[in-house]
């Protein structure tokens, strides 16, 4: 299977597939003409990587998960540890986004949005981290 067929089968852009090859996540065979030839196993790995990336796993986490997937002697605890760590990172990001949303919603609610120049949003943005206003 060539790269365009593989891209179509996996839903991944050819550029992403080439990048995954470049960083050693996959190693498709090369024909005498130098063209990549993807096996069903390569397509399966790429699908695995695509799904892991959709879940937000980093490239290094994907590398570790793929190694565990290919290791039939793996302990599921090792897989769970990676997933739990990633879940904690997602929860932390969500908490930070919720706090950002609450702060912005408060500012928006305090802004009259009329013809007057007074604007609590701009006033808040002008406060330096030290608490001093420019």
N, C-alpha and C. Protein backbone atom coordinates (compact mmCIF):
# COMPACT_ATOMS: atom_id res chain seq x y z
N UNK A 1 0.85 -1.16 0.00
CA UNK A 1 0.00 0.00 0.00
C UNK A 1 0.91 1.24 0.00
N UNK A 2 0.61 2.21 -0.86
CA UNK A 2 1.43 3.43 -0.90
C UNK A 2 0.95 4.43 0.15
N UNK A 3 1.63 5.55 0.23
CA UNK A 3 1.34 6.50 1.31
C UNK A 3 -0.05 7.14 1.16
N UNK A 4 -0.48 7.41 -0.06
CA UNK A 4 -1.80 8.02 -0.22
C UNK A 4 -2.90 7.04 0.14
N UNK A 5 -2.72 5.77 -0.20
CA UNK A 5 -3.70 4.75 0.18
C UNK A 5 -3.72 4.57 1.70
N UNK A 6 -2.54 4.61 2.29
CA UNK A 6 -2.43 4.48 3.74
C UNK A 6 -3.07 5.68 4.44
N UNK A 7 -2.85 6.85 3.89
CA UNK A 7 -3.47 8.06 4.46
C UNK A 7 -4.99 7.94 4.41
N UNK A 8 -5.50 7.46 3.30
CA UNK A 8 -6.95 7.31 3.15
C UNK A 8 -7.47 6.25 4.13
N UNK A 9 -6.74 5.16 4.28
CA UNK A 9 -7.18 4.07 5.16
C UNK A 9 -7.14 4.46 6.63
N UNK A 10 -6.21 5.32 7.02
CA UNK A 10 -6.04 5.68 8.43
C UNK A 10 -6.69 7.01 8.81
N UNK A 11 -6.97 7.84 7.80
CA UNK A 11 -7.49 9.17 8.10
C UNK A 11 -6.42 10.14 8.52
N UNK A 12 -5.16 9.74 8.39
CA UNK A 12 -4.04 10.62 8.75
C UNK A 12 -3.48 11.27 7.50
N UNK A 13 -3.07 12.52 7.59
CA UNK A 13 -2.42 13.16 6.44
C UNK A 13 -1.09 12.47 6.14
N UNK A 14 -0.73 12.46 4.87
CA UNK A 14 0.55 11.86 4.45
C UNK A 14 1.72 12.53 5.19
N UNK A 15 1.61 13.82 5.41
CA UNK A 15 2.67 14.54 6.13
C UNK A 15 2.87 13.97 7.53
N UNK A 16 1.78 13.65 8.20
CA UNK A 16 1.85 13.06 9.55
C UNK A 16 2.48 11.68 9.49
N UNK A 17 2.11 10.91 8.49
CA UNK A 17 2.67 9.56 8.33
C UNK A 17 4.18 9.64 8.10
N UNK A 18 4.59 10.57 7.25
CA UNK A 18 6.03 10.74 7.01
C UNK A 18 6.73 11.17 8.30
N UNK A 19 6.10 12.04 9.08
CA UNK A 19 6.69 12.48 10.35
C UNK A 19 6.82 11.30 11.31
N UNK A 20 5.79 10.47 11.41
CA UNK A 20 5.86 9.31 12.30
C UNK A 20 6.98 8.37 11.88
N UNK A 21 7.21 8.27 10.58
CA UNK A 21 8.34 7.47 10.10
C UNK A 21 9.66 8.13 10.49
N UNK A 22 9.74 9.42 10.29
CA UNK A 22 10.97 10.18 10.58
C UNK A 22 11.40 10.04 12.04
N UNK A 23 10.43 10.01 12.96
CA UNK A 23 10.76 9.93 14.38
C UNK A 23 10.78 8.49 14.89
N UNK A 24 10.61 7.55 13.98
CA UNK A 24 10.78 6.15 14.33
C UNK A 24 9.58 5.44 14.93
N UNK A 25 8.39 6.00 14.79
CA UNK A 25 7.20 5.31 15.30
C UNK A 25 6.77 4.18 14.38
N UNK A 26 7.01 4.33 13.10
CA UNK A 26 6.73 3.27 12.13
C UNK A 26 7.94 3.15 11.21
N UNK A 27 8.03 2.00 10.57
CA UNK A 27 9.15 1.77 9.65
C UNK A 27 8.64 0.97 8.46
N UNK A 28 7.96 1.64 7.52
CA UNK A 28 7.46 0.91 6.35
C UNK A 28 8.61 0.40 5.49
N UNK A 29 8.32 -0.65 4.75
CA UNK A 29 9.32 -1.20 3.83
C UNK A 29 9.52 -0.20 2.69
N UNK A 30 10.65 -0.30 2.04
CA UNK A 30 10.95 0.54 0.88
C UNK A 30 11.19 -0.36 -0.32
N UNK A 31 10.55 -0.02 -1.42
CA UNK A 31 10.75 -0.77 -2.66
C UNK A 31 12.08 -0.36 -3.29
N UNK A 32 12.45 -1.07 -4.36
CA UNK A 32 13.68 -0.76 -5.08
C UNK A 32 13.70 0.66 -5.61
N UNK A 33 12.52 1.22 -5.84
CA UNK A 33 12.41 2.59 -6.33
C UNK A 33 12.45 3.61 -5.19
N UNK A 34 12.55 3.15 -3.95
CA UNK A 34 12.61 4.04 -2.80
C UNK A 34 11.27 4.44 -2.23
N UNK A 35 10.19 4.02 -2.89
CA UNK A 35 8.85 4.37 -2.39
C UNK A 35 8.50 3.53 -1.16
N UNK A 36 7.75 4.14 -0.27
CA UNK A 36 7.29 3.44 0.92
C UNK A 36 6.24 2.41 0.51
N UNK A 37 6.26 1.29 1.23
CA UNK A 37 5.25 0.27 1.04
C UNK A 37 4.72 -0.12 2.42
N UNK A 38 3.49 0.25 2.70
CA UNK A 38 2.91 0.05 4.02
C UNK A 38 2.18 -1.28 4.08
N UNK A 39 2.45 -2.03 5.14
CA UNK A 39 1.78 -3.30 5.38
C UNK A 39 0.50 -3.06 6.19
N UNK A 40 -0.28 -4.09 6.33
CA UNK A 40 -1.48 -3.98 7.18
C UNK A 40 -1.08 -3.69 8.62
N UNK A 41 0.04 -4.23 9.05
CA UNK A 41 0.53 -3.94 10.40
C UNK A 41 0.88 -2.46 10.56
N UNK A 42 1.49 -1.87 9.53
CA UNK A 42 1.80 -0.43 9.55
C UNK A 42 0.51 0.38 9.64
N UNK A 43 -0.48 -0.02 8.85
CA UNK A 43 -1.77 0.68 8.85
C UNK A 43 -2.41 0.58 10.23
N UNK A 44 -2.33 -0.61 10.83
CA UNK A 44 -2.90 -0.80 12.17
C UNK A 44 -2.17 0.09 13.20
N UNK A 45 -0.84 0.13 13.14
CA UNK A 45 -0.06 0.98 14.05
C UNK A 45 -0.45 2.45 13.87
N UNK A 46 -0.58 2.87 12.62
CA UNK A 46 -0.96 4.26 12.35
C UNK A 46 -2.35 4.57 12.89
N UNK A 47 -3.27 3.64 12.77
CA UNK A 47 -4.60 3.82 13.35
C UNK A 47 -4.52 3.94 14.86
N UNK A 48 -3.70 3.11 15.47
CA UNK A 48 -3.46 3.14 16.91
C UNK A 48 -2.92 4.51 17.32
N UNK A 49 -1.92 4.98 16.58
CA UNK A 49 -1.31 6.27 16.89
C UNK A 49 -2.30 7.42 16.68
N UNK A 50 -3.08 7.33 15.62
CA UNK A 50 -4.09 8.37 15.37
C UNK A 50 -5.10 8.47 16.49
N UNK A 51 -5.56 7.32 16.97
CA UNK A 51 -6.53 7.31 18.06
C UNK A 51 -5.90 7.85 19.35
N UNK A 52 -4.66 7.44 19.62
CA UNK A 52 -3.96 7.93 20.82
C UNK A 52 -3.78 9.44 20.76
N UNK A 53 -3.44 9.96 19.59
CA UNK A 53 -3.27 11.41 19.45
C UNK A 53 -4.62 12.13 19.61
N UNK A 54 -5.70 11.52 19.10
CA UNK A 54 -7.04 12.11 19.29
C UNK A 54 -7.37 12.24 20.77
N UNK A 55 -6.87 11.32 21.57
CA UNK A 55 -7.09 11.37 23.02
C UNK A 55 -6.10 12.30 23.72
N UNK A 56 -5.23 12.91 22.94
CA UNK A 56 -4.32 13.92 23.48
C UNK A 56 -3.01 13.40 24.01
N UNK A 57 -2.71 12.13 23.79
CA UNK A 57 -1.42 11.62 24.25
C UNK A 57 -0.30 12.28 23.46
N UNK A 58 0.79 12.58 24.14
CA UNK A 58 1.95 13.18 23.49
C UNK A 58 2.63 12.13 22.61
N UNK A 59 3.55 12.59 21.79
CA UNK A 59 4.31 11.67 20.95
C UNK A 59 5.06 10.65 21.81
N UNK A 60 5.68 11.11 22.88
CA UNK A 60 6.43 10.18 23.73
C UNK A 60 5.50 9.21 24.45
N UNK A 61 4.32 9.68 24.85
CA UNK A 61 3.35 8.76 25.46
C UNK A 61 2.89 7.74 24.41
N UNK A 62 2.69 8.20 23.17
CA UNK A 62 2.31 7.29 22.09
C UNK A 62 3.40 6.25 21.86
N UNK A 63 4.63 6.68 21.91
CA UNK A 63 5.76 5.76 21.73
C UNK A 63 5.72 4.68 22.82
N UNK A 64 5.50 5.10 24.06
CA UNK A 64 5.45 4.17 25.18
C UNK A 64 4.24 3.23 25.06
N UNK A 65 3.09 3.78 24.70
CA UNK A 65 1.89 2.95 24.54
C UNK A 65 2.05 1.95 23.42
N UNK A 66 2.63 2.38 22.32
CA UNK A 66 2.85 1.48 21.19
C UNK A 66 3.81 0.35 21.58
N UNK A 67 4.85 0.68 22.32
CA UNK A 67 5.79 -0.34 22.79
C UNK A 67 5.08 -1.33 23.71
N UNK A 68 4.23 -0.83 24.58
CA UNK A 68 3.47 -1.71 25.47
C UNK A 68 2.48 -2.57 24.68
N UNK A 69 1.85 -1.98 23.68
CA UNK A 69 0.90 -2.71 22.84
C UNK A 69 1.60 -3.88 22.15
N UNK A 70 2.81 -3.64 21.68
CA UNK A 70 3.55 -4.67 20.96
C UNK A 70 4.21 -5.69 21.88
N UNK A 71 4.26 -5.41 23.18
CA UNK A 71 4.87 -6.30 24.17
C UNK A 71 3.78 -7.18 24.78
N UNK A 72 3.72 -8.41 24.35
CA UNK A 72 2.68 -9.33 24.86
C UNK A 72 2.90 -9.68 26.32
N UNK A 73 4.08 -9.42 26.85
CA UNK A 73 4.37 -9.68 28.26
C UNK A 73 4.14 -8.48 29.14
N UNK A 74 3.51 -7.45 28.59
CA UNK A 74 3.31 -6.20 29.34
C UNK A 74 2.42 -6.42 30.54
N UNK A 75 2.53 -5.51 31.47
CA UNK A 75 1.61 -5.46 32.61
C UNK A 75 0.62 -4.34 32.32
N UNK A 76 -0.66 -4.63 32.47
CA UNK A 76 -1.66 -3.59 32.20
C UNK A 76 -1.48 -2.40 33.14
N UNK A 77 -0.84 -2.62 34.27
CA UNK A 77 -0.57 -1.53 35.21
C UNK A 77 0.30 -0.46 34.57
N UNK A 78 1.22 -0.88 33.70
CA UNK A 78 2.08 0.09 33.02
C UNK A 78 1.28 0.97 32.07
N UNK A 79 0.33 0.35 31.38
CA UNK A 79 -0.53 1.11 30.46
C UNK A 79 -1.42 2.05 31.26
N UNK A 80 -2.00 1.52 32.32
CA UNK A 80 -2.90 2.33 33.16
C UNK A 80 -2.18 3.53 33.75
N UNK A 81 -0.93 3.34 34.15
CA UNK A 81 -0.15 4.44 34.74
C UNK A 81 0.00 5.59 33.76
N UNK A 82 0.29 5.27 32.49
CA UNK A 82 0.43 6.32 31.47
C UNK A 82 -0.91 7.02 31.27
N UNK A 83 -1.98 6.23 31.18
CA UNK A 83 -3.30 6.81 30.95
C UNK A 83 -3.77 7.65 32.15
N UNK A 84 -3.49 7.18 33.35
CA UNK A 84 -3.89 7.95 34.54
C UNK A 84 -3.14 9.27 34.62
N UNK A 85 -1.86 9.25 34.32
CA UNK A 85 -1.07 10.49 34.33
C UNK A 85 -1.64 11.47 33.31
N UNK A 86 -1.97 10.96 32.13
CA UNK A 86 -2.53 11.82 31.09
C UNK A 86 -3.89 12.37 31.52
N UNK A 87 -4.69 11.54 32.16
CA UNK A 87 -6.00 11.98 32.66
C UNK A 87 -5.84 13.09 33.69
N UNK A 88 -4.85 12.97 34.55
CA UNK A 88 -4.59 14.03 35.54
C UNK A 88 -4.20 15.33 34.85
N UNK A 89 -3.41 15.23 33.79
CA UNK A 89 -3.02 16.43 33.03
C UNK A 89 -4.25 17.07 32.38
N UNK A 90 -5.14 16.26 31.84
CA UNK A 90 -6.38 16.78 31.23
C UNK A 90 -7.22 17.47 32.30
N UNK A 91 -7.37 16.83 33.47
CA UNK A 91 -8.15 17.42 34.55
C UNK A 91 -7.57 18.76 34.98
N UNK A 92 -6.25 18.86 35.05
CA UNK A 92 -5.60 20.12 35.44
C UNK A 92 -5.86 21.19 34.40
N UNK A 93 -5.79 20.83 33.12
CA UNK A 93 -6.07 21.79 32.05
C UNK A 93 -7.52 22.25 32.10
N UNK A 94 -8.43 21.29 32.36
CA UNK A 94 -9.85 21.64 32.44
C UNK A 94 -10.12 22.58 33.60
N UNK A 95 -9.46 22.35 34.73
CA UNK A 95 -9.64 23.23 35.89
C UNK A 95 -9.13 24.63 35.58
N UNK A 96 -8.00 24.70 34.90
CA UNK A 96 -7.43 26.00 34.52
C UNK A 96 -8.37 26.72 33.54
N UNK A 97 -8.90 25.99 32.57
CA UNK A 97 -9.84 26.59 31.62
C UNK A 97 -11.12 27.05 32.31
N UNK A 98 -11.61 26.27 33.28
CA UNK A 98 -12.81 26.66 34.01
C UNK A 98 -12.57 27.94 34.80
N UNK A 99 -11.39 28.07 35.40
CA UNK A 99 -11.06 29.29 36.14
C UNK A 99 -10.94 30.48 35.19
N UNK A 100 -10.33 30.26 34.02
CA UNK A 100 -10.22 31.33 33.03
C UNK A 100 -11.61 31.76 32.57
N UNK A 101 -12.48 30.78 32.34
CA UNK A 101 -13.83 31.09 31.87
C UNK A 101 -14.59 31.89 32.93
N UNK A 102 -14.48 31.48 34.18
CA UNK A 102 -15.17 32.17 35.27
C UNK A 102 -14.69 33.61 35.38
N UNK A 103 -13.38 33.82 35.30
CA UNK A 103 -12.82 35.17 35.40
C UNK A 103 -13.29 36.03 34.24
N UNK A 104 -13.25 35.48 33.03
CA UNK A 104 -13.69 36.25 31.87
C UNK A 104 -15.19 36.52 31.90
N UNK A 105 -15.97 35.54 32.32
CA UNK A 105 -17.42 35.74 32.42
C UNK A 105 -17.74 36.84 33.42
N UNK A 106 -16.99 36.89 34.53
CA UNK A 106 -17.19 37.94 35.52
C UNK A 106 -16.88 39.32 34.91
N UNK A 107 -15.78 39.41 34.18
CA UNK A 107 -15.42 40.68 33.55
C UNK A 107 -16.46 41.11 32.52
N UNK A 108 -16.91 40.18 31.72
CA UNK A 108 -17.92 40.49 30.70
C UNK A 108 -19.20 40.96 31.37
N UNK A 109 -19.59 40.33 32.47
CA UNK A 109 -20.83 40.71 33.15
C UNK A 109 -20.73 42.11 33.78
N UNK A 110 -19.50 42.52 34.14
CA UNK A 110 -19.33 43.84 34.75
C UNK A 110 -19.14 44.96 33.74
N UNK A 111 -18.98 44.60 32.48
CA UNK A 111 -18.80 45.63 31.44
C UNK A 111 -20.17 46.01 30.90
N UNK A 112 -20.46 47.30 30.92
CA UNK A 112 -21.79 47.75 30.45
C UNK A 112 -21.93 47.63 28.94
N UNK A 113 -20.83 47.67 28.23
CA UNK A 113 -20.90 47.52 26.79
C UNK A 113 -21.65 48.64 26.09
N UNK A 114 -21.59 49.83 26.68
CA UNK A 114 -22.30 50.95 26.07
C UNK A 114 -21.29 51.93 25.43
N UNK A 115 -21.72 53.18 25.27
CA UNK A 115 -20.88 54.19 24.60
C UNK A 115 -19.80 54.79 25.51
N UNK A 116 -19.88 54.53 26.81
CA UNK A 116 -18.90 55.10 27.73
C UNK A 116 -17.55 54.38 27.61
N UNK A 117 -16.46 55.10 27.91
CA UNK A 117 -15.14 54.50 27.77
C UNK A 117 -14.75 53.56 28.91
N UNK A 118 -15.44 53.66 30.05
CA UNK A 118 -15.10 52.80 31.18
C UNK A 118 -15.31 51.33 30.82
N UNK A 119 -14.29 50.53 31.08
CA UNK A 119 -14.41 49.11 30.73
C UNK A 119 -13.63 48.27 31.73
N UNK A 120 -14.31 47.50 32.57
CA UNK A 120 -13.63 46.66 33.55
C UNK A 120 -12.73 45.59 32.90
N UNK A 121 -13.05 45.20 31.69
CA UNK A 121 -12.23 44.20 31.00
C UNK A 121 -10.84 44.78 30.75
N UNK A 122 -10.80 45.99 30.15
CA UNK A 122 -9.52 46.62 29.87
C UNK A 122 -8.77 46.98 31.15
N UNK A 123 -9.51 47.42 32.17
CA UNK A 123 -8.88 47.75 33.44
C UNK A 123 -8.20 46.52 34.04
N UNK A 124 -8.87 45.38 33.97
CA UNK A 124 -8.30 44.15 34.51
C UNK A 124 -7.07 43.72 33.70
N UNK A 125 -7.15 43.84 32.39
CA UNK A 125 -6.02 43.45 31.55
C UNK A 125 -4.80 44.35 31.78
N UNK A 126 -5.04 45.58 32.21
CA UNK A 126 -3.95 46.52 32.43
C UNK A 126 -3.24 46.30 33.77
N UNK A 127 -3.79 45.48 34.65
CA UNK A 127 -3.16 45.23 35.94
C UNK A 127 -1.95 44.33 35.72
N UNK A 128 -0.79 44.81 36.18
CA UNK A 128 0.43 44.01 36.05
C UNK A 128 0.42 42.95 37.13
N UNK A 129 1.18 41.87 36.94
CA UNK A 129 1.22 40.79 37.94
C UNK A 129 1.53 41.27 39.34
N UNK A 130 2.29 42.37 39.46
CA UNK A 130 2.62 42.90 40.79
C UNK A 130 1.43 43.61 41.43
N UNK A 131 0.35 43.79 40.63
CA UNK A 131 -0.83 44.46 41.13
C UNK A 131 -0.86 45.94 40.82
N UNK A 132 0.21 46.46 40.20
CA UNK A 132 0.30 47.88 39.86
C UNK A 132 -0.37 48.12 38.52
N UNK A 133 -1.16 49.19 38.42
CA UNK A 133 -1.83 49.55 37.18
C UNK A 133 -0.95 50.51 36.43
N UNK A 134 -0.81 50.30 35.10
CA UNK A 134 -0.05 51.24 34.26
C UNK A 134 -0.81 52.54 34.08
